[in-house]
Amino acid sequence: MPFCPDCKYEYEPEVKICPDCGAVLVEKLPEEAEQEPVKYVFLRDVPSRLYAEMLKEALDEKGILCFIKGDDIGIMLGSYSTTSPVRISVWVDRNKLFEAKKIAQEILGDI
């Protein structure tokens, strides 16, 4: 049975081209290399969710995986502010830490 190399769907033997994406079907899908899971490391604390979201957007644009840790009371109240009573931190893929530090410094400086 042929498979679409892009969609990974299996088709009847008479089908030669994927009807969904147009790719030429193959007899066997290549084995996917097992990827190492992303290991996140601490990048920095930020004063509020607002700053964290700004930094996350910049990191996302550069393809750096990241997440924000910590909840801001402002979210529950429906507003963002420049300070938060709780700790908010940004964590990044450890393989991109150096690049992320440069971006964080450019965006936030010593805030």
C-alpha atoms as a PDB file:
ATOM      1  CA  MET A   1       0.000   0.000   0.000  1.00  0.00           C
ATOM      2  CA  PRO A   2       1.387   3.438  -0.883  1.00  0.00           C
ATOM      3  CA  PHE A   3       1.760   6.258   1.628  1.00  0.00           C
ATOM      4  CA  CYS A   4       1.871  10.026   1.346  1.00  0.00           C
ATOM      5  CA  PRO A   5       5.319  11.182   2.563  1.00  0.00           C
ATOM      6  CA  ASP A   6       3.823  14.476   3.759  1.00  0.00           C
ATOM      7  CA  CYS A   7       0.403  13.608   5.175  1.00  0.00           C
ATOM      8  CA  LYS A   8       1.443  10.089   6.312  1.00  0.00           C
ATOM      9  CA  TYR A   9      -1.856   8.612   5.085  1.00  0.00           C
ATOM     10  CA  GLU A  10      -2.079   5.181   3.509  1.00  0.00           C
ATOM     11  CA  TYR A  11      -3.909   4.796   0.173  1.00  0.00           C
ATOM     12  CA  GLU A  12      -5.221   2.030  -2.069  1.00  0.00           C
ATOM     13  CA  PRO A  13      -2.614   0.535  -4.470  1.00  0.00           C
ATOM     14  CA  GLU A  14      -4.062   2.262  -7.557  1.00  0.00           C
ATOM     15  CA  VAL A  15      -3.618   5.759  -6.058  1.00  0.00           C
ATOM     16  CA  LYS A  16      -0.305   7.321  -7.126  1.00  0.00           C
ATOM     17  CA  ILE A  17      -0.676  10.952  -5.972  1.00  0.00           C
ATOM     18  CA  CYS A  18      -1.995  12.195  -2.645  1.00  0.00           C
ATOM     19  CA  PRO A  19      -5.446  13.708  -3.214  1.00  0.00           C
ATOM     20  CA  ASP A  20      -4.964  16.046  -0.232  1.00  0.00           C
ATOM     21  CA  CYS A  21      -1.552  17.608  -0.889  1.00  0.00           C
ATOM     22  CA  GLY A  22      -0.510  16.426  -4.360  1.00  0.00           C
ATOM     23  CA  ALA A  23       2.660  14.613  -3.249  1.00  0.00           C
ATOM     24  CA  VAL A  24       3.819  11.515  -5.117  1.00  0.00           C
ATOM     25  CA  LEU A  25       3.093   8.472  -2.954  1.00  0.00           C
ATOM     26  CA  VAL A  26       5.865   6.156  -1.735  1.00  0.00           C
ATOM     27  CA  GLU A  27       5.848   2.454  -0.878  1.00  0.00           C
ATOM     28  CA  LYS A  28       7.220   2.936   2.625  1.00  0.00           C
ATOM     29  CA  LEU A  29       7.420   5.900   4.964  1.00  0.00           C
ATOM     30  CA  PRO A  30      10.924   6.768   6.136  1.00  0.00           C
ATOM     31  CA  GLU A  31      11.493   6.113   9.795  1.00  0.00           C
ATOM     32  CA  GLU A  32      11.419   9.337  11.706  1.00  0.00           C
ATOM     33  CA  ALA A  33      14.479  10.107  13.726  1.00  0.00           C
ATOM     34  CA  GLU A  34      13.744  10.140  17.407  1.00  0.00           C
ATOM     35  CA  GLN A  35      14.057  13.705  18.593  1.00  0.00           C
ATOM     36  CA  GLU A  36      15.491  14.538  21.961  1.00  0.00           C
ATOM     37  CA  PRO A  37      12.889  16.283  24.100  1.00  0.00           C
ATOM     38  CA  VAL A  38      13.402  20.002  24.595  1.00  0.00           C
ATOM     39  CA  LYS A  39      15.046  20.841  27.897  1.00  0.00           C
ATOM     40  CA  TYR A  40      14.075  24.240  29.176  1.00  0.00           C
ATOM     41  CA  VAL A  41      16.308  26.448  31.299  1.00  0.00           C
ATOM     42  CA  PHE A  42      15.639  29.664  33.185  1.00  0.00           C
ATOM     43  CA  LEU A  43      16.226  32.783  31.081  1.00  0.00           C
ATOM     44  CA  ARG A  44      15.179  35.570  33.432  1.00  0.00           C
ATOM     45  CA  ASP A  45      12.553  37.018  35.715  1.00  0.00           C
ATOM     46  CA  VAL A  46      10.387  39.832  34.414  1.00  0.00           C
ATOM     47  CA  PRO A  47       8.344  42.409  36.314  1.00  0.00           C
ATOM     48  CA  SER A  48       4.977  41.361  34.867  1.00  0.00           C
ATOM     49  CA  ARG A  49       3.092  39.219  32.386  1.00  0.00           C
ATOM     50  CA  LEU A  50       3.139  42.179  29.971  1.00  0.00           C
ATOM     51  CA  TYR A  51       6.940  42.102  29.746  1.00  0.00           C
ATOM     52  CA  ALA A  52       6.916  38.309  29.581  1.00  0.00           C
ATOM     53  CA  GLU A  53       4.549  38.343  26.615  1.00  0.00           C
ATOM     54  CA  MET A  54       6.677  40.964  24.829  1.00  0.00           C
ATOM     55  CA  LEU A  55       9.785  38.829  25.295  1.00  0.00           C
ATOM     56  CA  LYS A  56       7.988  35.624  24.312  1.00  0.00           C
ATOM     57  CA  GLU A  57       6.796  37.219  21.082  1.00  0.00           C
ATOM     58  CA  ALA A  58      10.350  38.267  20.179  1.00  0.00           C
ATOM     59  CA  LEU A  59      11.688  34.791  20.972  1.00  0.00           C
ATOM     60  CA  ASP A  60       8.902  33.130  18.974  1.00  0.00           C
ATOM     61  CA  GLU A  61       9.779  35.295  15.960  1.00  0.00           C
ATOM     62  CA  LYS A  62      13.337  33.921  16.104  1.00  0.00           C
ATOM     63  CA  GLY A  63      12.088  30.344  16.426  1.00  0.00           C
ATOM     64  CA  ILE A  64      13.244  29.957  20.028  1.00  0.00           C
ATOM     65  CA  LEU A  65      10.985  27.663  22.031  1.00  0.00           C
ATOM     66  CA  CYS A  66       9.998  29.249  25.313  1.00  0.00           C
ATOM     67  CA  PHE A  67       7.295  29.470  27.944  1.00  0.00           C
ATOM     68  CA  ILE A  68       6.204  31.824  30.690  1.00  0.00           C
ATOM     69  CA  LYS A  69       6.113  30.489  34.229  1.00  0.00           C
ATOM     70  CA  GLY A  70       3.995  32.187  36.855  1.00  0.00           C
ATOM     71  CA  ASP A  71       0.553  33.659  36.978  1.00  0.00           C
ATOM     72  CA  ASP A  72      -0.207  37.318  37.147  1.00  0.00           C
ATOM     73  CA  ILE A  73      -3.166  38.478  39.181  1.00  0.00           C
ATOM     74  CA  GLY A  74      -3.823  41.007  36.410  1.00  0.00           C
ATOM     75  CA  ILE A  75      -4.962  38.264  34.063  1.00  0.00           C
ATOM     76  CA  MET A  76      -7.703  37.275  36.476  1.00  0.00           C
ATOM     77  CA  LEU A  77      -8.740  40.902  36.768  1.00  0.00           C
ATOM     78  CA  GLY A  78      -8.729  41.337  32.999  1.00  0.00           C
ATOM     79  CA  SER A  79      -5.834  43.784  32.783  1.00  0.00           C
ATOM     80  CA  TYR A  80      -2.132  43.822  32.161  1.00  0.00           C
ATOM     81  CA  SER A  81       0.180  46.093  34.086  1.00  0.00           C
ATOM     82  CA  THR A  82       3.904  46.774  34.268  1.00  0.00           C
ATOM     83  CA  THR A  83       4.357  45.216  37.700  1.00  0.00           C
ATOM     84  CA  SER A  84       3.120  42.049  39.326  1.00  0.00           C
ATOM     85  CA  PRO A  85       2.909  40.896  42.941  1.00  0.00           C
ATOM     86  CA  VAL A  86       3.982  37.373  41.905  1.00  0.00           C
ATOM     87  CA  ARG A  87       7.164  36.084  40.316  1.00  0.00           C
ATOM     88  CA  ILE A  88       7.030  35.730  36.541  1.00  0.00           C
ATOM     89  CA  SER A  89       9.878  34.086  34.644  1.00  0.00           C
ATOM     90  CA  VAL A  90      10.678  33.126  31.079  1.00  0.00           C
ATOM     91  CA  TRP A  91      12.228  29.759  30.275  1.00  0.00           C
ATOM     92  CA  VAL A  92      13.852  28.787  26.940  1.00  0.00           C
ATOM     93  CA  ASP A  93      15.278  25.810  25.075  1.00  0.00           C
ATOM     94  CA  ARG A  94      18.708  25.272  26.609  1.00  0.00           C
ATOM     95  CA  ASN A  95      20.256  24.997  23.136  1.00  0.00           C
ATOM     96  CA  LYS A  96      19.188  28.580  22.403  1.00  0.00           C
ATOM     97  CA  LEU A  97      20.021  30.172  25.766  1.00  0.00           C
ATOM     98  CA  PHE A  98      22.857  32.392  24.517  1.00  0.00           C
ATOM     99  CA  GLU A  99      20.781  33.778  21.634  1.00  0.00           C
ATOM    100  CA  ALA A 100      17.776  34.234  23.942  1.00  0.00           C
ATOM    101  CA  LYS A 101      19.870  36.213  26.438  1.00  0.00           C
ATOM    102  CA  LYS A 102      20.915  38.622  23.694  1.00  0.00           C
ATOM    103  CA  ILE A 103      17.311  39.110  22.583  1.00  0.00           C
ATOM    104  CA  ALA A 104      16.128  39.615  26.162  1.00  0.00           C
ATOM    105  CA  GLN A 105      18.798  42.252  26.748  1.00  0.00           C
ATOM    106  CA  GLU A 106      17.849  44.082  23.535  1.00  0.00           C
ATOM    107  CA  ILE A 107      14.136  44.020  24.382  1.00  0.00           C
ATOM    108  CA  LEU A 108      14.143  44.563  28.137  1.00  0.00           C
ATOM    109  CA  GLY A 109      17.585  45.826  29.067  1.00  0.00           C
ATOM    110  CA  ASP A 110      18.072  45.749  32.847  1.00  0.00           C
ATOM    111  CA  ILE A 111      14.365  45.894  33.721  1.00  0.00           C
END
